[in-house]
Each structure stands twice: as structure tokens, then as C-alpha cells.
PDB file of N, CA and C in Angstrom:
ATOM      1  N   MET A   1      90.407  25.308  71.282  1.00  0.00           N
ATOM      2  CA  MET A   1      90.105  25.075  69.908  1.00  0.00           C
ATOM      3  C   MET A   1      89.831  26.414  69.227  1.00  0.00           C
ATOM      4  N   ALA A   2      90.395  26.624  68.057  1.00  0.00           N
ATOM      5  CA  ALA A   2      90.206  27.860  67.303  1.00  0.00           C
ATOM      6  C   ALA A   2      88.825  27.863  66.644  1.00  0.00           C
ATOM      7  N   THR A   3      88.217  29.017  66.624  1.00  0.00           N
ATOM      8  CA  THR A   3      86.915  29.176  65.989  1.00  0.00           C
ATOM      9  C   THR A   3      87.116  29.868  64.652  1.00  0.00           C
ATOM     10  N   SER A   4      86.500  29.332  63.628  1.00  0.00           N
ATOM     11  CA  SER A   4      86.592  29.942  62.299  1.00  0.00           C
ATOM     12  C   SER A   4      85.589  31.092  62.215  1.00  0.00           C
ATOM     13  N   ARG A   5      86.082  32.289  61.906  1.00  0.00           N
ATOM     14  CA  ARG A   5      85.212  33.459  61.751  1.00  0.00           C
ATOM     15  C   ARG A   5      85.476  34.084  60.404  1.00  0.00           C
ATOM     16  N   TRP A   6      84.422  34.464  59.729  1.00  0.00           N
ATOM     17  CA  TRP A   6      84.596  35.156  58.465  1.00  0.00           C
ATOM     18  C   TRP A   6      83.384  36.036  58.188  1.00  0.00           C
ATOM     19  N   CYS A   7      83.622  37.080  57.452  1.00  0.00           N
ATOM     20  CA  CYS A   7      82.578  37.950  56.923  1.00  0.00           C
ATOM     21  C   CYS A   7      83.024  38.393  55.545  1.00  0.00           C
ATOM     22  N   CYS A   8      82.067  38.563  54.652  1.00  0.00           N
ATOM     23  CA  CYS A   8      82.415  38.919  53.282  1.00  0.00           C
ATOM     24  C   CYS A   8      81.296  39.749  52.660  1.00  0.00           C
ATOM     25  N   HIS A   9      81.696  40.730  51.885  1.00  0.00           N
ATOM     26  CA  HIS A   9      80.765  41.475  51.047  1.00  0.00           C
ATOM     27  C   HIS A   9      81.455  41.695  49.719  1.00  0.00           C
ATOM     28  N   LEU A  10      80.777  41.375  48.637  1.00  0.00           N
ATOM     29  CA  LEU A  10      81.361  41.467  47.302  1.00  0.00           C
ATOM     30  C   LEU A  10      80.555  42.438  46.470  1.00  0.00           C
ATOM     31  N   CYS A  11      81.248  43.360  45.820  1.00  0.00           N
ATOM     32  CA  CYS A  11      80.606  44.333  44.931  1.00  0.00           C
ATOM     33  C   CYS A  11      81.172  44.190  43.525  1.00  0.00           C
ATOM     34  N   PHE A  12      80.397  44.634  42.565  1.00  0.00           N
ATOM     35  CA  PHE A  12      80.839  44.736  41.179  1.00  0.00           C
ATOM     36  C   PHE A  12      80.644  46.181  40.762  1.00  0.00           C
ATOM     37  N   ARG A  13      81.494  46.658  39.854  1.00  0.00           N
ATOM     38  CA  ARG A  13      81.347  48.044  39.437  1.00  0.00           C
ATOM     39  C   ARG A  13      81.449  48.190  37.935  1.00  0.00           C
ATOM     40  N   SER A  14      80.787  49.233  37.451  1.00  0.00           N
ATOM     41  CA  SER A  14      80.927  49.656  36.059  1.00  0.00           C
ATOM     42  C   SER A  14      81.629  51.006  36.103  1.00  0.00           C
ATOM     43  N   ASP A  15      81.637  51.705  35.009  1.00  0.00           N
ATOM     44  CA  ASP A  15      82.277  53.025  34.997  1.00  0.00           C
ATOM     45  C   ASP A  15      81.538  54.036  35.866  1.00  0.00           C
ATOM     46  N   GLU A  16      80.231  53.816  36.088  1.00  0.00           N
ATOM     47  CA  GLU A  16      79.430  54.797  36.817  1.00  0.00           C
ATOM     48  C   GLU A  16      78.734  54.266  38.061  1.00  0.00           C
ATOM     49  N   VAL A  17      78.637  52.943  38.219  1.00  0.00           N
ATOM     50  CA  VAL A  17      77.806  52.373  39.277  1.00  0.00           C
ATOM     51  C   VAL A  17      78.578  51.297  40.047  1.00  0.00           C
ATOM     52  N   LEU A  18      78.369  51.280  41.359  1.00  0.00           N
ATOM     53  CA  LEU A  18      78.849  50.182  42.200  1.00  0.00           C
ATOM     54  C   LEU A  18      77.634  49.344  42.568  1.00  0.00           C
ATOM     55  N   TYR A  19      77.700  48.051  42.276  1.00  0.00           N
ATOM     56  CA  TYR A  19      76.611  47.128  42.576  1.00  0.00           C
ATOM     57  C   TYR A  19      77.036  46.224  43.727  1.00  0.00           C
ATOM     58  N   GLY A  20      76.338  46.318  44.850  1.00  0.00           N
ATOM     59  CA  GLY A  20      76.580  45.416  45.966  1.00  0.00           C
ATOM     60  C   GLY A  20      75.749  44.166  45.772  1.00  0.00           C
ATOM     61  N   ARG A  21      76.331  42.991  45.947  1.00  0.00           N
ATOM     62  CA  ARG A  21      75.577  41.784  45.648  1.00  0.00           C
ATOM     63  C   ARG A  21      75.612  40.707  46.713  1.00  0.00           C
ATOM     64  N   TYR A  22      76.744  40.353  47.232  1.00  0.00           N
ATOM     65  CA  TYR A  22      76.798  39.175  48.080  1.00  0.00           C
ATOM     66  C   TYR A  22      77.271  39.538  49.473  1.00  0.00           C
ATOM     67  N   TRP A  23      76.604  38.992  50.465  1.00  0.00           N
ATOM     68  CA  TRP A  23      76.939  39.244  51.862  1.00  0.00           C
ATOM     69  C   TRP A  23      76.839  37.925  52.597  1.00  0.00           C
ATOM     70  N   GLY A  24      77.802  37.682  53.449  1.00  0.00           N
ATOM     71  CA  GLY A  24      77.748  36.502  54.293  1.00  0.00           C
ATOM     72  C   GLY A  24      78.621  36.707  55.507  1.00  0.00           C
ATOM     73  N   CYS A  25      78.206  36.154  56.617  1.00  0.00           N
ATOM     74  CA  CYS A  25      78.993  36.292  57.834  1.00  0.00           C
ATOM     75  C   CYS A  25      78.708  35.116  58.749  1.00  0.00           C
ATOM     76  N   ARG A  26      79.756  34.578  59.291  1.00  0.00           N
ATOM     77  CA  ARG A  26      79.609  33.550  60.315  1.00  0.00           C
ATOM     78  C   ARG A  26      79.731  34.272  61.646  1.00  0.00           C
ATOM     79  N   GLY A  27      78.615  34.453  62.272  1.00  0.00           N
ATOM     80  CA  GLY A  27      78.603  35.200  63.523  1.00  0.00           C
ATOM     81  C   GLY A  27      77.707  36.412  63.406  1.00  0.00           C
ATOM     82  N   ASN A  28      77.386  36.997  64.530  1.00  0.00           N
ATOM     83  CA  ASN A  28      76.529  38.176  64.575  1.00  0.00           C
ATOM     84  C   ASN A  28      77.323  39.314  65.214  1.00  0.00           C
ATOM     85  N   TYR A  29      77.625  40.319  64.420  1.00  0.00           N
ATOM     86  CA  TYR A  29      78.427  41.446  64.881  1.00  0.00           C
ATOM     87  C   TYR A  29      77.615  42.717  64.689  1.00  0.00           C
ATOM     88  N   HIS A  30      77.376  43.421  65.759  1.00  0.00           N
ATOM     89  CA  HIS A  30      76.540  44.614  65.736  1.00  0.00           C
ATOM     90  C   HIS A  30      77.004  45.596  64.655  1.00  0.00           C
ATOM     91  N   SER A  31      76.092  45.949  63.765  1.00  0.00           N
ATOM     92  CA  SER A  31      76.276  46.957  62.716  1.00  0.00           C
ATOM     93  C   SER A  31      77.274  46.585  61.627  1.00  0.00           C
ATOM     94  N   LEU A  32      77.849  45.399  61.651  1.00  0.00           N
ATOM     95  CA  LEU A  32      78.831  45.034  60.630  1.00  0.00           C
ATOM     96  C   LEU A  32      78.204  44.965  59.243  1.00  0.00           C
ATOM     97  N   HIS A  33      76.995  44.434  59.152  1.00  0.00           N
ATOM     98  CA  HIS A  33      76.318  44.360  57.854  1.00  0.00           C
ATOM     99  C   HIS A  33      76.207  45.748  57.219  1.00  0.00           C
ATOM    100  N   PHE A  34      75.783  46.724  58.000  1.00  0.00           N
ATOM    101  CA  PHE A  34      75.620  48.074  57.461  1.00  0.00           C
ATOM    102  C   PHE A  34      76.961  48.703  57.116  1.00  0.00           C
ATOM    103  N   GLU A  35      77.962  48.445  57.918  1.00  0.00           N
ATOM    104  CA  GLU A  35      79.301  48.975  57.633  1.00  0.00           C
ATOM    105  C   GLU A  35      79.826  48.436  56.309  1.00  0.00           C
ATOM    106  N   LEU A  36      79.743  47.118  56.131  1.00  0.00           N
ATOM    107  CA  LEU A  36      80.287  46.513  54.913  1.00  0.00           C
ATOM    108  C   LEU A  36      79.410  46.745  53.688  1.00  0.00           C
ATOM    109  N   CYS A  37      78.112  46.608  53.851  1.00  0.00           N
ATOM    110  CA  CYS A  37      77.213  46.626  52.696  1.00  0.00           C
ATOM    111  C   CYS A  37      76.736  48.014  52.296  1.00  0.00           C
ATOM    112  N   PHE A  38      76.802  48.976  53.189  1.00  0.00           N
ATOM    113  CA  PHE A  38      76.317  50.314  52.874  1.00  0.00           C
ATOM    114  C   PHE A  38      77.406  51.365  53.004  1.00  0.00           C
ATOM    115  N   TYR A  39      77.897  51.535  54.217  1.00  0.00           N
ATOM    116  CA  TYR A  39      78.790  52.671  54.480  1.00  0.00           C
ATOM    117  C   TYR A  39      80.090  52.589  53.701  1.00  0.00           C
ATOM    118  N   GLN A  40      80.688  51.418  53.590  1.00  0.00           N
ATOM    119  CA  GLN A  40      81.921  51.295  52.811  1.00  0.00           C
ATOM    120  C   GLN A  40      81.649  51.493  51.318  1.00  0.00           C
ATOM    121  N   GLY A  41      80.496  51.015  50.848  1.00  0.00           N
ATOM    122  CA  GLY A  41      80.130  51.222  49.440  1.00  0.00           C
ATOM    123  C   GLY A  41      79.908  52.684  49.116  1.00  0.00           C
ATOM    124  N   ILE A  42      79.243  53.397  50.008  1.00  0.00           N
ATOM    125  CA  ILE A  42      79.028  54.834  49.812  1.00  0.00           C
ATOM    126  C   ILE A  42      80.369  55.556  49.794  1.00  0.00           C
ATOM    127  N   ALA A  43      81.243  55.228  50.737  1.00  0.00           N
ATOM    128  CA  ALA A  43      82.563  55.869  50.792  1.00  0.00           C
ATOM    129  C   ALA A  43      83.356  55.575  49.524  1.00  0.00           C
ATOM    130  N   TYR A  44      83.275  54.353  49.039  1.00  0.00           N
ATOM    131  CA  TYR A  44      83.982  53.989  47.811  1.00  0.00           C
ATOM    132  C   TYR A  44      83.477  54.805  46.627  1.00  0.00           C
ATOM    133  N   CYS A  45      82.159  54.915  46.490  1.00  0.00           N
ATOM    134  CA  CYS A  45      81.580  55.694  45.387  1.00  0.00           C
ATOM    135  C   CYS A  45      82.024  57.149  45.443  1.00  0.00           C
ATOM    136  N   LEU A  46      82.016  57.734  46.615  1.00  0.00           N
ATOM    137  CA  LEU A  46      82.448  59.127  46.765  1.00  0.00           C
ATOM    138  C   LEU A  46      83.928  59.274  46.414  1.00  0.00           C
ATOM    139  N   ARG A  47      84.737  58.363  46.911  1.00  0.00           N
ATOM    140  CA  ARG A  47      86.184  58.412  46.667  1.00  0.00           C
ATOM    141  C   ARG A  47      86.520  58.206  45.190  1.00  0.00           C
ATOM    142  N   GLU A  48      85.797  57.308  44.515  1.00  0.00           N
ATOM    143  CA  GLU A  48      86.094  56.959  43.124  1.00  0.00           C
ATOM    144  C   GLU A  48      85.291  57.774  42.113  1.00  0.00           C
ATOM    145  N   GLY A  49      84.406  58.631  42.586  1.00  0.00           N
ATOM    146  CA  GLY A  49      83.616  59.468  41.680  1.00  0.00           C
ATOM    147  C   GLY A  49      82.534  58.725  40.924  1.00  0.00           C
ATOM    148  N   LEU A  50      82.041  57.629  41.484  1.00  0.00           N
ATOM    149  CA  LEU A  50      80.956  56.898  40.822  1.00  0.00           C
ATOM    150  C   LEU A  50      79.647  57.663  41.015  1.00  0.00           C
ATOM    151  N   ARG A  51      78.786  57.560  40.035  1.00  0.00           N
ATOM    152  CA  ARG A  51      77.546  58.331  40.050  1.00  0.00           C
ATOM    153  C   ARG A  51      76.438  57.695  40.891  1.00  0.00           C
ATOM    154  N   ARG A  52      76.512  56.366  41.083  1.00  0.00           N
ATOM    155  CA  ARG A  52      75.399  55.686  41.744  1.00  0.00           C
ATOM    156  C   ARG A  52      75.894  54.461  42.503  1.00  0.00           C
ATOM    157  N   PHE A  53      75.197  54.156  43.578  1.00  0.00           N
ATOM    158  CA  PHE A  53      75.452  52.948  44.355  1.00  0.00           C
ATOM    159  C   PHE A  53      74.158  52.174  44.451  1.00  0.00           C
ATOM    160  N   GLU A  54      74.166  50.958  43.962  1.00  0.00           N
ATOM    161  CA  GLU A  54      73.023  50.045  44.067  1.00  0.00           C
ATOM    162  C   GLU A  54      73.411  48.956  45.057  1.00  0.00           C
ATOM    163  N   PRO A  55      72.966  49.054  46.319  1.00  0.00           N
ATOM    164  CA  PRO A  55      73.435  48.110  47.332  1.00  0.00           C
ATOM    165  C   PRO A  55      72.864  46.706  47.226  1.00  0.00           C
ATOM    166  N   GLY A  56      71.985  46.452  46.261  1.00  0.00           N
ATOM    167  CA  GLY A  56      71.460  45.096  46.095  1.00  0.00           C
ATOM    168  C   GLY A  56      70.043  44.965  46.605  1.00  0.00           C
ATOM    169  N   ALA A  57      69.487  43.821  46.352  1.00  0.00           N
ATOM    170  CA  ALA A  57      68.130  43.554  46.809  1.00  0.00           C
ATOM    171  C   ALA A  57      68.112  43.593  48.329  1.00  0.00           C
ATOM    172  N   GLY A  58      67.060  44.105  48.846  1.00  0.00           N
ATOM    173  CA  GLY A  58      67.048  44.194  50.298  1.00  0.00           C
ATOM    174  C   GLY A  58      65.702  44.602  50.814  1.00  0.00           C
ATOM    175  N   GLY A  59      65.703  44.936  52.046  1.00  0.00           N
ATOM    176  CA  GLY A  59      64.450  45.224  52.699  1.00  0.00           C
ATOM    177  C   GLY A  59      64.347  46.650  53.168  1.00  0.00           C
ATOM    178  N   GLU A  60      63.588  46.793  54.206  1.00  0.00           N
ATOM    179  CA  GLU A  60      63.238  48.105  54.714  1.00  0.00           C
ATOM    180  C   GLU A  60      64.446  48.879  55.251  1.00  0.00           C
ATOM    181  N   HIS A  61      65.511  48.176  55.643  1.00  0.00           N
ATOM    182  CA  HIS A  61      66.692  48.884  56.148  1.00  0.00           C
ATOM    183  C   HIS A  61      67.320  49.763  55.070  1.00  0.00           C
ATOM    184  N   GLN A  62      67.146  49.395  53.809  1.00  0.00           N
ATOM    185  CA  GLN A  62      67.662  50.242  52.730  1.00  0.00           C
ATOM    186  C   GLN A  62      66.802  51.495  52.577  1.00  0.00           C
ATOM    187  N   ILE A  63      65.506  51.346  52.698  1.00  0.00           N
ATOM    188  CA  ILE A  63      64.592  52.484  52.593  1.00  0.00           C
ATOM    189  C   ILE A  63      64.904  53.488  53.694  1.00  0.00           C
ATOM    190  N   ALA A  64      65.120  53.006  54.909  1.00  0.00           N
ATOM    191  CA  ALA A  64      65.402  53.894  56.040  1.00  0.00           C
ATOM    192  C   ALA A  64      66.686  54.684  55.835  1.00  0.00           C
ATOM    193  N   ARG A  65      67.580  54.201  54.980  1.00  0.00           N
ATOM    194  CA  ARG A  65      68.835  54.895  54.706  1.00  0.00           C
ATOM    195  C   ARG A  65      68.758  55.720  53.417  1.00  0.00           C
ATOM    196  N   GLY A  66      67.551  55.831  52.859  1.00  0.00           N
ATOM    197  CA  GLY A  66      67.350  56.706  51.720  1.00  0.00           C
ATOM    198  C   GLY A  66      67.622  56.098  50.359  1.00  0.00           C
ATOM    199  N   PHE A  67      67.811  54.791  50.276  1.00  0.00           N
ATOM    200  CA  PHE A  67      68.027  54.153  48.982  1.00  0.00           C
ATOM    201  C   PHE A  67      66.685  53.947  48.306  1.00  0.00           C
ATOM    202  N   THR A  68      66.534  54.513  47.141  1.00  0.00           N
ATOM    203  CA  THR A  68      65.322  54.353  46.357  1.00  0.00           C
ATOM    204  C   THR A  68      65.277  52.940  45.792  1.00  0.00           C
ATOM    205  N   PRO A  69      64.166  52.237  45.942  1.00  0.00           N
ATOM    206  CA  PRO A  69      64.081  50.895  45.374  1.00  0.00           C
ATOM    207  C   PRO A  69      64.155  50.969  43.847  1.00  0.00           C
ATOM    208  N   THR A  70      65.133  50.301  43.289  1.00  0.00           N
ATOM    209  CA  THR A  70      65.398  50.341  41.856  1.00  0.00           C
ATOM    210  C   THR A  70      65.474  48.929  41.322  1.00  0.00           C
ATOM    211  N   VAL A  71      64.804  48.672  40.221  1.00  0.00           N
ATOM    212  CA  VAL A  71      64.902  47.371  39.574  1.00  0.00           C
ATOM    213  C   VAL A  71      66.137  47.407  38.682  1.00  0.00           C
ATOM    214  N   VAL A  72      67.047  46.482  38.922  1.00  0.00           N
ATOM    215  CA  VAL A  72      68.239  46.355  38.089  1.00  0.00           C
ATOM    216  C   VAL A  72      68.174  45.017  37.364  1.00  0.00           C
ATOM    217  N   HIS A  73      68.902  44.920  36.285  1.00  0.00           N
ATOM    218  CA  HIS A  73      68.874  43.704  35.474  1.00  0.00           C
ATOM    219  C   HIS A  73      70.223  43.015  35.518  1.00  0.00           C
ATOM    220  N   SER A  74      70.187  41.721  35.466  1.00  0.00           N
ATOM    221  CA  SER A  74      71.392  40.910  35.524  1.00  0.00           C
ATOM    222  C   SER A  74      71.455  40.044  34.280  1.00  0.00           C
ATOM    223  N   LEU A  75      72.653  39.820  33.798  1.00  0.00           N
ATOM    224  CA  LEU A  75      72.838  38.981  32.610  1.00  0.00           C
ATOM    225  C   LEU A  75      73.509  37.676  33.027  1.00  0.00           C
ATOM    226  N   HIS A  76      72.703  36.671  33.266  1.00  0.00           N
ATOM    227  CA  HIS A  76      73.210  35.344  33.598  1.00  0.00           C
ATOM    228  C   HIS A  76      72.912  34.412  32.430  1.00  0.00           C
ATOM    229  N   TRP A  77      73.836  33.543  32.133  1.00  0.00           N
ATOM    230  CA  TRP A  77      73.597  32.525  31.118  1.00  0.00           C
ATOM    231  C   TRP A  77      73.378  31.200  31.828  1.00  0.00           C
ATOM    232  N   ILE A  78      72.234  30.610  31.620  1.00  0.00           N
ATOM    233  CA  ILE A  78      71.916  29.306  32.186  1.00  0.00           C
ATOM    234  C   ILE A  78      72.016  28.308  31.036  1.00  0.00           C
ATOM    235  N   SER A  79      73.009  27.455  31.085  1.00  0.00           N
ATOM    236  CA  SER A  79      73.287  26.574  29.940  1.00  0.00           C
ATOM    237  C   SER A  79      72.267  25.449  29.776  1.00  0.00           C
ATOM    238  N   ASP A  80      71.706  24.966  30.855  1.00  0.00           N
ATOM    239  CA  ASP A  80      70.737  23.881  30.757  1.00  0.00           C
ATOM    240  C   ASP A  80      69.402  24.433  30.266  1.00  0.00           C
ATOM    241  N   PRO A  81      68.905  23.961  29.096  1.00  0.00           N
ATOM    242  CA  PRO A  81      67.670  24.518  28.522  1.00  0.00           C
ATOM    243  C   PRO A  81      66.448  24.361  29.420  1.00  0.00           C
ATOM    244  N   THR A  82      66.329  23.235  30.097  1.00  0.00           N
ATOM    245  CA  THR A  82      65.174  23.024  30.983  1.00  0.00           C
ATOM    246  C   THR A  82      65.220  24.007  32.145  1.00  0.00           C
ATOM    247  N   MET A  83      66.386  24.140  32.758  1.00  0.00           N
ATOM    248  CA  MET A  83      66.526  25.074  33.877  1.00  0.00           C
ATOM    249  C   MET A  83      66.297  26.505  33.395  1.00  0.00           C
ATOM    250  N   ARG A  84      66.795  26.828  32.219  1.00  0.00           N
ATOM    251  CA  ARG A  84      66.609  28.175  31.665  1.00  0.00           C
ATOM    252  C   ARG A  84      65.123  28.486  31.494  1.00  0.00           C
ATOM    253  N   ARG A  85      64.337  27.534  30.977  1.00  0.00           N
ATOM    254  CA  ARG A  85      62.891  27.732  30.811  1.00  0.00           C
ATOM    255  C   ARG A  85      62.201  27.887  32.162  1.00  0.00           C
ATOM    256  N   LEU A  86      62.583  27.062  33.142  1.00  0.00           N
ATOM    257  CA  LEU A  86      61.966  27.145  34.467  1.00  0.00           C
ATOM    258  C   LEU A  86      62.255  28.491  35.128  1.00  0.00           C
ATOM    259  N   ILE A  87      63.474  28.938  35.027  1.00  0.00           N
ATOM    260  CA  ILE A  87      63.833  30.239  35.612  1.00  0.00           C
ATOM    261  C   ILE A  87      63.098  31.359  34.894  1.00  0.00           C
ATOM    262  N   ALA A  88      63.027  31.301  33.567  1.00  0.00           N
ATOM    263  CA  ALA A  88      62.303  32.328  32.802  1.00  0.00           C
ATOM    264  C   ALA A  88      60.837  32.373  33.212  1.00  0.00           C
ATOM    265  N   ARG A  89      60.238  31.210  33.395  1.00  0.00           N
ATOM    266  CA  ARG A  89      58.833  31.162  33.826  1.00  0.00           C
ATOM    267  C   ARG A  89      58.666  31.775  35.209  1.00  0.00           C
ATOM    268  N   HIS A  90      59.557  31.435  36.102  1.00  0.00           N
ATOM    269  CA  HIS A  90      59.506  31.995  37.448  1.00  0.00           C
ATOM    270  C   HIS A  90      59.645  33.520  37.407  1.00  0.00           C
ATOM    271  N   LEU A  91      60.586  34.022  36.614  1.00  0.00           N
ATOM    272  CA  LEU A  91      60.779  35.470  36.524  1.00  0.00           C
ATOM    273  C   LEU A  91      59.565  36.165  35.923  1.00  0.00           C
ATOM    274  N   ASP A  92      58.943  35.542  34.936  1.00  0.00           N
ATOM    275  CA  ASP A  92      57.719  36.113  34.362  1.00  0.00           C
ATOM    276  C   ASP A  92      56.622  36.208  35.415  1.00  0.00           C
ATOM    277  N   LEU A  93      56.470  35.174  36.225  1.00  0.00           N
ATOM    278  CA  LEU A  93      55.449  35.179  37.274  1.00  0.00           C
ATOM    279  C   LEU A  93      55.772  36.186  38.378  1.00  0.00           C
ATOM    280  N   GLN A  94      57.031  36.367  38.645  1.00  0.00           N
ATOM    281  CA  GLN A  94      57.466  37.216  39.744  1.00  0.00           C
ATOM    282  C   GLN A  94      57.481  38.708  39.384  1.00  0.00           C
ATOM    283  N   GLY A  95      57.524  39.036  38.107  1.00  0.00           N
ATOM    284  CA  GLY A  95      57.696  40.416  37.665  1.00  0.00           C
ATOM    285  C   GLY A  95      56.729  41.413  38.268  1.00  0.00           C
ATOM    286  N   SER A  96      55.448  41.102  38.270  1.00  0.00           N
ATOM    287  CA  SER A  96      54.463  42.052  38.810  1.00  0.00           C
ATOM    288  C   SER A  96      54.611  42.188  40.325  1.00  0.00           C
ATOM    289  N   GLU A  97      54.998  41.117  41.000  1.00  0.00           N
ATOM    290  CA  GLU A  97      55.215  41.182  42.447  1.00  0.00           C
ATOM    291  C   GLU A  97      56.415  42.060  42.786  1.00  0.00           C
ATOM    292  N   VAL A  98      57.467  41.962  42.003  1.00  0.00           N
ATOM    293  CA  VAL A  98      58.656  42.802  42.219  1.00  0.00           C
ATOM    294  C   VAL A  98      58.284  44.272  42.041  1.00  0.00           C
ATOM    295  N   GLU A  99      57.528  44.580  41.006  1.00  0.00           N
ATOM    296  CA  GLU A  99      57.114  45.961  40.764  1.00  0.00           C
ATOM    297  C   GLU A  99      56.207  46.467  41.887  1.00  0.00           C
ATOM    298  N   ALA A 100      55.303  45.630  42.357  1.00  0.00           N
ATOM    299  CA  ALA A 100      54.418  46.031  43.457  1.00  0.00           C
ATOM    300  C   ALA A 100      55.230  46.300  44.723  1.00  0.00           C
ATOM    301  N   TYR A 101      56.231  45.465  45.004  1.00  0.00           N
ATOM    302  CA  TYR A 101      57.084  45.691  46.178  1.00  0.00           C
ATOM    303  C   TYR A 101      57.863  46.992  46.027  1.00  0.00           C
ATOM    304  N   ARG A 102      58.398  47.247  44.828  1.00  0.00           N
ATOM    305  CA  ARG A 102      59.149  48.473  44.595  1.00  0.00           C
ATOM    306  C   ARG A 102      58.282  49.698  44.871  1.00  0.00           C
ATOM    307  N   GLU A 103      57.064  49.695  44.381  1.00  0.00           N
ATOM    308  CA  GLU A 103      56.153  50.819  44.594  1.00  0.00           C
ATOM    309  C   GLU A 103      55.793  50.979  46.071  1.00  0.00           C
ATOM    310  N   GLU A 104      55.508  49.877  46.733  1.00  0.00           N
ATOM    311  CA  GLU A 104      55.174  49.922  48.161  1.00  0.00           C
ATOM    312  C   GLU A 104      56.358  50.437  48.973  1.00  0.00           C
ATOM    313  N   ALA A 105      57.545  49.942  48.677  1.00  0.00           N
ATOM    314  CA  ALA A 105      58.742  50.370  49.413  1.00  0.00           C
ATOM    315  C   ALA A 105      59.022  51.853  49.178  1.00  0.00           C
ATOM    316  N   ALA A 106      58.847  52.314  47.950  1.00  0.00           N
ATOM    317  CA  ALA A 106      59.116  53.714  47.621  1.00  0.00           C
ATOM    318  C   ALA A 106      58.193  54.654  48.390  1.00  0.00           C
ATOM    319  N   ALA A 107      57.016  54.173  48.741  1.00  0.00           N
ATOM    320  CA  ALA A 107      56.067  55.001  49.500  1.00  0.00           C
ATOM    321  C   ALA A 107      56.573  55.293  50.916  1.00  0.00           C
ATOM    322  N   HIS A 108      57.597  54.570  51.363  1.00  0.00           N
ATOM    323  CA  HIS A 108      58.114  54.730  52.717  1.00  0.00           C
ATOM    324  C   HIS A 108      59.470  55.424  52.767  1.00  0.00           C
ATOM    325  N   LEU A 109      59.885  56.020  51.665  1.00  0.00           N
ATOM    326  CA  LEU A 109      61.168  56.706  51.658  1.00  0.00           C
ATOM    327  C   LEU A 109      61.136  57.866  52.654  1.00  0.00           C
ATOM    328  N   PRO A 110      62.285  58.157  53.281  1.00  0.00           N
ATOM    329  CA  PRO A 110      62.318  59.228  54.287  1.00  0.00           C
ATOM    330  C   PRO A 110      62.344  60.637  53.682  1.00  0.00           C
ATOM    331  N   PHE A 111      62.187  60.739  52.377  1.00  0.00           N
ATOM    332  CA  PHE A 111      62.129  62.032  51.718  1.00  0.00           C
ATOM    333  C   PHE A 111      61.082  61.976  50.630  1.00  0.00           C
ATOM    334  N   ASN A 112      60.653  63.115  50.156  1.00  0.00           N
ATOM    335  CA  ASN A 112      59.608  63.183  49.149  1.00  0.00           C
ATOM    336  C   ASN A 112      60.152  63.959  47.955  1.00  0.00           C
ATOM    337  N   ALA A 113      60.104  63.351  46.790  1.00  0.00           N
ATOM    338  CA  ALA A 113      60.611  64.001  45.587  1.00  0.00           C
ATOM    339  C   ALA A 113      59.735  65.166  45.148  1.00  0.00           C
ATOM    340  N   ASN A 114      58.458  65.153  45.547  1.00  0.00           N
ATOM    341  CA  ASN A 114      57.528  66.212  45.172  1.00  0.00           C
ATOM    342  C   ASN A 114      56.927  66.835  46.437  1.00  0.00           C
ATOM    343  N   PRO A 115      57.684  67.700  47.121  1.00  0.00           N
ATOM    344  CA  PRO A 115      57.159  68.275  48.390  1.00  0.00           C
ATOM    345  C   PRO A 115      55.944  69.142  48.194  1.00  0.00           C
TER     346      PRO A 115
END
């Protein structure tokens, strides 16, 4: 019987920035996540002359690779008014927690901007 295997990473780009957003894989392949989500994105930015790579929301593995935690904004339209209000409320409540995480994560960067 054939086994279905797939892995995917999707990025979006502007004139200056590559934004990594979606990752999924059926299966566990050593280092594949980093290859697709980081190393290929970095290579693409260098090859295309992009000024910045934002690999997406993530954890400590991004800090260890020198990515500064950056808050980025997304423009989504939620057509249902009730859902739009609920999401807005959630984002308002979450805002200070996101900022606190960004500051905490930045304290663990492998380099210091002010030596």
C-alpha cells in the first residue's frame, strides 16, 4: 500500500520582505523544518536582494538562529460581524502578552546590539 507523504512551506513577499507563514508536514524528517522554513528563505532573500526575512511566529529555535522577535501586522477581513468583534477582543487582550513575549525572547538573542 502506498503511503501519502507531503511537506509544505508557503511564503509571501513584498518588494523588500519575505514573510514565511505556513508550514505543514506529514511525517517527521530530521531538519526538514529548518531547511524549508529558514535556510531556503534566507537563500531566497539573498538571491532576490530582499532586505528582510520574517520567518513567522515561532519559538526559541528562531532566537537561536539570530532572528530578532518582531511584531508584524496582518490585514485580514472577517466578514461576520460577531466573529470580527470576538477576534478583535481576543487581540486586544493578547496584545500585552505578545509584547511581553517579544521582550523576553529578545533577551535571549545570541548577539548584543549594545556590546
